[in-house]
Every structure is written in C-alpha cells, then in structure tokens.
C-alpha cells in the first residue's frame, strides 16, 4: 500500500491508508518502534465514518489480541505503548477487558487517568494561591440519567515488554506548590515534581463539530505529546499510531521532532490527517 510521505526538517511522517495489523507487518521491522500512542475503536457503537463499532465483543477482543501481538513484535525492547481506552456508563467494562487481552502480550507498567473535566470547590483547597472561588473546567458530554454520573475520564494504559522501562518523569513535571521543598530535597532542585497519574487535558472548545472535530473519538495532541515526553524524547526515534484517525499523534511526534508512522483504514479520516500534517510541515 502506497504511503503519503511528508517531511518536516529532518523528520519523516509516513501515513498509510491501510489496515494496521497487515501494515505493521509489512512496513515495520521487529523492535523498530520506540513509542506507540494510540486509541483503538472502543466497540461502543461510536458512529465512525465507515468502521463498524458494533461487532461482537468476542470478535473485537480477538482482533485486539492479534493487534497487540504484532505491536509487541515491532516494539523496541525498551519501548512504550500508551493505550487510550474509554467506556460508557452502560458498558463500563470495556477498558478492563481490553487491558486483559493486551496483557497477554505486554506488561502493564502504569495506569494513567485522562481527566477531561473537573470541578473544584474553594472550600476544599483552603488558602490556595490563584483559586478564589469554585472552579469547573473542561468539556464533557452530559448524561441525562437517574442511574449514571457524567463520564469525564478515560484511561491511558502504559504497557511495556518487561514492566521496567525507565521514564523521564520530570519531562512532564509540575512545580512544587510548597517552595520549601525546593531547598529541602535534592531531587527538587529544579522545582519540578512528578505529575503523577492524573492528567487534566481538556478538549479545545469547538464552534463546529464538522470543521473542528471531524472525528468522533479523537484525543488531544497534547495527550500524545505528554506520552512521548514521559517515555523520553532523547531515546525516541520513531513514534507509531496504528489507528491514526485525523493525525493527532502525528502532529505531536513532529512537534517533538520525531519520525512517525501511522495507519488508517477510513479514507476520510486519512485524508484529513494528511491535510493536517501537511499544514504542520
């Protein structure tokens, strides 16, 4: 399958309009990928442009197992897979079923939580600089149900071959709130601490879903960028997204000056990804 090859400075972005399982086997050598950042279809009935997101759960999980097996083959021994998986209130088990299948091939090293929206009451933070009143930030799809609460969170499972990959935790670190820690601890000398496993990354405000978010289930570029940084930019040469969508992970890789490979079977999403990446080059 012919790729669209785009160049930004010294970095190459290869985008294939092809099924990822076959594509990874054809175009990627064993151990050649340092970081995989991706979000496969959730099998929750999401209305994609062409893909059927309503196949049987058994068939879906079997397919994911095949996908995970190939990912393990092309992943570097010290590589990282960042797997974004969501759910819906009426079917909350999907992320854990997916994880169970993928763990047959890779080991879970970290569980990260992508927080899309959060509410913070002033009384709960006390005398906190900058917070003078209740805060509610981020975007979510409201649920009108007496049984469920609004779903404002997704998982990012960090998987590796052995569970012992060293990370660049401070690459996405945050400043200490209590500055006395900077002088108290040698590890705090740069006024940075580990962000932890909760990442608040809101969607950008959109005026038109058709123009601003032409894909129903994409993650922000910032999320992919943070995953690559956490793995370690210096030791990353090649980033892969087997489910390219509209190219969010490609944009993150190019921003960090890394080579990228992506696969997408939906031609409309593929063309949108090519357009967005080309504009960034």
Protein backbone atom coordinates (compact mmCIF):
# COMPACT_ATOMS: atom_id res chain seq x y z
CA UNK A 1 0.00 0.00 0.00
CA UNK A 2 1.45 3.34 -1.06
CA UNK A 3 2.16 5.77 1.74
CA UNK A 4 1.90 9.53 1.85
CA UNK A 5 5.37 10.67 2.92
CA UNK A 6 5.64 14.11 4.45
CA UNK A 7 8.81 15.83 5.60
CA UNK A 8 9.39 18.44 8.29
CA UNK A 9 13.01 19.48 8.56
CA UNK A 10 14.88 16.21 9.16
CA UNK A 11 11.84 14.21 10.26
CA UNK A 12 9.68 11.93 8.16
CA UNK A 13 5.99 11.23 8.59
CA UNK A 14 4.75 8.12 6.72
CA UNK A 15 0.97 7.73 6.58
CA UNK A 16 -0.58 4.54 5.18
CA UNK A 17 -4.24 4.12 4.14
CA UNK A 18 -4.09 0.51 5.29
CA UNK A 19 -5.17 -1.95 7.96
CA UNK A 20 -2.68 -1.62 10.80
CA UNK A 21 -2.08 -5.31 11.52
CA UNK A 22 -1.02 -6.05 7.96
CA UNK A 23 0.66 -2.66 7.64
CA UNK A 24 2.84 -3.07 10.71
CA UNK A 25 3.98 -6.48 9.48
CA UNK A 26 4.79 -5.14 6.02
CA UNK A 27 6.43 -1.81 6.82
CA UNK A 28 7.99 -2.04 10.29
CA UNK A 29 10.95 -4.13 11.39
CA UNK A 30 10.98 -6.04 14.69
CA UNK A 31 11.99 -3.76 17.56
CA UNK A 32 12.00 -0.63 15.40
CA UNK A 33 9.35 1.45 17.23
CA UNK A 34 10.15 3.32 20.43
CA UNK A 35 6.74 4.72 21.33
CA UNK A 36 3.22 3.72 20.35
CA UNK A 37 0.48 6.22 21.18
CA UNK A 38 -2.94 5.12 20.07
CA UNK A 39 -6.63 4.75 20.76
CA UNK A 40 -8.30 1.80 19.02
CA UNK A 41 -12.04 1.71 18.34
CA UNK A 42 -13.84 1.13 21.65
CA UNK A 43 -16.58 -1.19 20.30
CA UNK A 44 -19.17 1.02 21.98
CA UNK A 45 -21.28 1.85 18.94
CA UNK A 46 -19.46 5.11 18.16
CA UNK A 47 -20.54 6.48 14.80
CA UNK A 48 -17.32 6.48 12.81
CA UNK A 49 -17.35 7.43 9.15
CA UNK A 50 -17.08 3.82 7.88
CA UNK A 51 -15.81 1.48 10.62
CA UNK A 52 -18.45 -0.75 12.28
CA UNK A 53 -18.02 -0.16 16.02
CA UNK A 54 -20.73 -2.70 16.92
CA UNK A 55 -19.08 -6.05 16.20
CA UNK A 56 -19.46 -8.77 18.83
CA UNK A 57 -17.35 -8.31 21.96
CA UNK A 58 -15.70 -11.68 21.42
CA UNK A 59 -14.67 -10.79 17.86
CA UNK A 60 -13.49 -7.37 18.99
CA UNK A 61 -11.28 -8.76 21.74
CA UNK A 62 -9.90 -11.47 19.47
CA UNK A 63 -8.94 -8.79 16.94
CA UNK A 64 -7.28 -6.71 19.68
CA UNK A 65 -5.22 -9.72 20.70
CA UNK A 66 -3.90 -10.05 17.15
CA UNK A 67 -3.13 -6.34 17.06
CA UNK A 68 -1.31 -6.47 20.41
CA UNK A 69 0.78 -9.45 19.29
CA UNK A 70 2.07 -7.52 16.28
CA UNK A 71 2.71 -4.40 18.39
CA UNK A 72 4.92 -6.45 20.67
CA UNK A 73 6.91 -7.66 17.67
CA UNK A 74 7.67 -4.21 16.29
CA UNK A 75 8.15 -2.53 19.69
CA UNK A 76 11.70 -1.90 20.93
CA UNK A 77 12.70 -3.91 23.99
CA UNK A 78 12.67 -0.65 25.97
CA UNK A 79 9.69 0.78 24.12
CA UNK A 80 6.35 2.00 25.46
CA UNK A 81 2.76 1.52 24.37
CA UNK A 82 0.37 4.22 25.59
CA UNK A 83 -3.10 2.79 25.03
CA UNK A 84 -6.02 5.20 25.41
CA UNK A 85 -9.32 3.42 26.07
CA UNK A 86 -12.67 4.87 27.06
CA UNK A 87 -16.01 3.42 28.07
CA UNK A 88 -19.60 4.45 28.51
CA UNK A 89 -21.77 4.24 31.64
CA UNK A 90 -23.87 1.38 30.26
CA UNK A 91 -20.76 -0.61 29.32
CA UNK A 92 -18.01 0.26 31.83
CA UNK A 93 -16.02 -2.97 31.47
CA UNK A 94 -14.53 -2.26 28.04
CA UNK A 95 -11.20 -0.74 29.24
CA UNK A 96 -10.56 -3.65 31.59
CA UNK A 97 -11.46 -6.28 29.02
CA UNK A 98 -9.14 -4.61 26.52
CA UNK A 99 -6.35 -4.45 29.10
CA UNK A 100 -6.78 -8.12 29.96
CA UNK A 101 -6.29 -9.10 26.32
CA UNK A 102 -3.33 -6.78 25.69
CA UNK A 103 -1.61 -8.01 28.85
CA UNK A 104 -1.30 -11.42 27.23
CA UNK A 105 1.44 -9.80 25.14
CA UNK A 106 2.72 -6.81 27.15
CA UNK A 107 3.03 -5.91 30.82
CA UNK A 108 1.10 -3.06 32.44
CA UNK A 109 3.63 -0.62 33.91
CA UNK A 110 1.46 2.43 34.70
CA UNK A 111 -2.22 3.31 34.68
CA UNK A 112 -2.80 6.96 33.77
CA UNK A 113 -6.08 8.82 34.02
CA UNK A 114 -7.00 11.37 31.37
CA UNK A 115 -9.27 13.87 33.11
CA UNK A 116 -11.35 15.83 30.60
CA UNK A 117 -13.30 17.96 33.07
CA UNK A 118 -13.12 18.60 36.79
CA UNK A 119 -14.90 20.67 39.44
CA UNK A 120 -13.01 22.02 42.48
CA UNK A 121 -14.78 23.66 45.39
CA UNK A 122 -12.95 26.55 47.01
CA UNK A 123 -13.64 25.21 50.50
CA UNK A 124 -11.73 22.02 49.68
CA UNK A 125 -8.47 23.76 48.76
CA UNK A 126 -8.33 26.34 51.54
CA UNK A 127 -5.97 29.29 51.15
CA UNK A 128 -4.64 28.29 47.75
CA UNK A 129 -2.98 30.90 45.52
CA UNK A 130 -4.99 31.69 42.43
CA UNK A 131 -8.18 29.87 43.46
CA UNK A 132 -10.59 32.44 44.81
CA UNK A 133 -13.88 30.67 44.08
CA UNK A 134 -15.33 27.37 42.93
CA UNK A 135 -13.78 26.17 39.66
CA UNK A 136 -15.30 23.99 36.94
CA UNK A 137 -13.11 23.50 33.87
CA UNK A 138 -13.07 21.26 30.83
CA UNK A 139 -15.61 19.77 28.45
CA UNK A 140 -17.76 16.65 28.60
CA UNK A 141 -20.88 15.15 27.08
CA UNK A 142 -23.64 15.49 29.70
CA UNK A 143 -25.69 12.42 30.58
CA UNK A 144 -29.36 12.77 31.38
CA UNK A 145 -29.90 9.69 33.51
CA UNK A 146 -31.01 8.88 37.07
CA UNK A 147 -28.56 5.94 37.11
CA UNK A 148 -25.23 7.33 35.90
CA UNK A 149 -22.95 10.28 36.50
CA UNK A 150 -21.32 12.25 33.68
CA UNK A 151 -18.37 10.43 32.13
CA UNK A 152 -15.40 12.82 32.31
CA UNK A 153 -12.44 10.46 32.30
CA UNK A 154 -10.61 7.91 30.14
CA UNK A 155 -7.76 5.50 30.79
CA UNK A 156 -4.27 5.54 29.33
CA UNK A 157 -2.62 2.18 29.95
CA UNK A 158 1.17 2.32 29.74
CA UNK A 159 2.47 -1.11 28.71
CA UNK A 160 5.99 -2.35 28.09
CA UNK A 161 7.64 -5.70 27.39
CA UNK A 162 9.01 -6.28 30.91
CA UNK A 163 7.46 -3.56 33.08
CA UNK A 164 10.83 -1.97 33.87
CA UNK A 165 11.26 0.82 31.29
CA UNK A 166 12.82 3.93 32.82
CA UNK A 167 10.79 7.08 32.21
CA UNK A 168 11.58 10.79 32.04
CA UNK A 169 9.07 11.68 34.75
CA UNK A 170 10.11 15.31 35.08
CA UNK A 171 9.71 15.96 31.35
CA UNK A 172 6.03 16.50 32.17
CA UNK A 173 6.68 17.53 35.76
CA UNK A 174 4.87 20.30 37.63
CA UNK A 175 6.28 22.95 40.01
CA UNK A 176 6.12 22.34 43.75
CA UNK A 177 3.30 24.21 45.41
CA UNK A 178 5.30 24.40 48.65
CA UNK A 179 8.54 26.02 47.53
CA UNK A 180 10.29 24.98 50.73
CA UNK A 181 10.59 21.55 49.11
CA UNK A 182 12.98 23.04 46.55
CA UNK A 183 15.60 23.60 49.25
CA UNK A 184 14.59 20.65 51.44
CA UNK A 185 15.04 17.87 48.89
CA UNK A 186 17.97 17.40 46.48
CA UNK A 187 15.61 15.87 43.91
CA UNK A 188 13.53 19.06 43.95
CA UNK A 189 16.34 21.44 42.95
CA UNK A 190 14.72 22.22 39.58
CA UNK A 191 11.37 22.99 41.26
CA UNK A 192 9.70 20.08 39.49
CA UNK A 193 7.95 17.03 40.84
CA UNK A 194 6.40 14.04 39.13
CA UNK A 195 2.97 14.95 37.76
CA UNK A 196 1.57 11.60 38.82
CA UNK A 197 -1.04 9.52 37.06
CA UNK A 198 -3.85 12.07 36.74
CA UNK A 199 -3.56 14.27 33.66
CA UNK A 200 -6.06 17.08 33.20
CA UNK A 201 -6.16 17.70 29.45
CA UNK A 202 -9.35 19.38 28.26
CA UNK A 203 -10.65 19.30 24.73
CA UNK A 204 -10.35 22.56 22.89
CA UNK A 205 -13.59 24.50 22.67
CA UNK A 206 -15.17 23.84 19.27
CA UNK A 207 -17.54 26.02 17.29
CA UNK A 208 -18.36 23.40 14.67
CA UNK A 209 -18.04 19.64 15.17
CA UNK A 210 -17.81 19.10 11.42
CA UNK A 211 -14.91 21.52 11.00
CA UNK A 212 -13.13 21.46 14.36
CA UNK A 213 -13.59 17.79 15.29
CA UNK A 214 -14.37 15.70 12.22
CA UNK A 215 -13.61 12.50 14.16
CA UNK A 216 -15.97 11.39 16.97
CA UNK A 217 -13.39 9.94 19.35
CA UNK A 218 -10.00 11.58 18.99
CA UNK A 219 -7.62 12.56 21.77
CA UNK A 220 -5.88 15.96 22.06
CA UNK A 221 -2.44 16.45 20.52
CA UNK A 222 -1.21 17.41 23.98
CA UNK A 223 -2.03 13.96 25.32
CA UNK A 224 0.14 12.25 22.71
CA UNK A 225 2.89 14.80 23.28
CA UNK A 226 2.91 14.13 27.02
CA UNK A 227 3.11 10.37 26.44
CA UNK A 228 6.15 10.75 24.21
CA UNK A 229 7.82 13.11 26.67
CA UNK A 230 7.15 10.74 29.57
CA UNK A 231 8.77 7.87 27.72
CA UNK A 232 11.74 10.11 26.97
CA UNK A 233 12.25 12.33 23.96
CA UNK A 234 16.00 11.72 23.81
CA UNK A 235 15.60 7.95 23.47
CA UNK A 236 12.73 8.13 20.98
CA UNK A 237 13.46 7.89 17.27
CA UNK A 238 10.19 6.51 15.88
CA UNK A 239 6.60 7.00 17.02
CA UNK A 240 3.71 4.86 15.77
CA UNK A 241 -0.06 5.22 15.83
CA UNK A 242 -1.77 2.15 14.34
CA UNK A 243 -5.15 3.96 14.47
CA UNK A 244 -4.17 7.30 13.00
CA UNK A 245 -7.60 8.93 12.90
CA UNK A 246 -7.12 12.56 11.94
CA UNK A 247 -3.43 12.59 12.86
CA UNK A 248 -3.22 13.90 16.43
CA UNK A 249 -0.30 11.67 17.39
CA UNK A 250 1.49 12.51 14.15
CA UNK A 251 1.29 16.20 14.98
CA UNK A 252 2.69 15.52 18.45
CA UNK A 253 5.60 13.50 17.05
CA UNK A 254 6.53 16.15 14.51
CA UNK A 255 6.31 18.87 17.16
CA UNK A 256 8.88 16.92 19.17
CA UNK A 257 10.99 16.36 16.01
CA UNK A 258 10.48 12.60 15.81
CA UNK A 259 9.83 10.32 12.85
CA UNK A 260 6.32 8.93 12.67
CA UNK A 261 4.35 6.09 11.07
CA UNK A 262 0.57 5.85 11.08
CA UNK A 263 -2.12 3.58 9.63
CA UNK A 264 -5.77 4.43 8.93
CA UNK A 265 -8.39 2.41 7.01
CA UNK A 266 -11.01 5.16 6.80
CA UNK A 267 -10.19 7.25 3.74
CA UNK A 268 -11.99 10.36 5.00
CA UNK A 269 -10.03 10.37 8.26
CA UNK A 270 -6.83 9.52 6.41
CA UNK A 271 -7.25 12.47 4.04
CA UNK A 272 -7.95 14.76 6.99
CA UNK A 273 -4.80 13.53 8.73
CA UNK A 274 -2.72 14.15 5.61
CA UNK A 275 -4.15 17.66 5.34
CA UNK A 276 -3.40 18.49 8.98
CA UNK A 277 0.11 17.04 8.95
CA UNK A 278 0.93 18.75 5.65
CA UNK A 279 -0.16 22.08 7.15
CA UNK A 280 2.19 21.48 10.09
CA UNK A 281 5.19 20.71 7.88
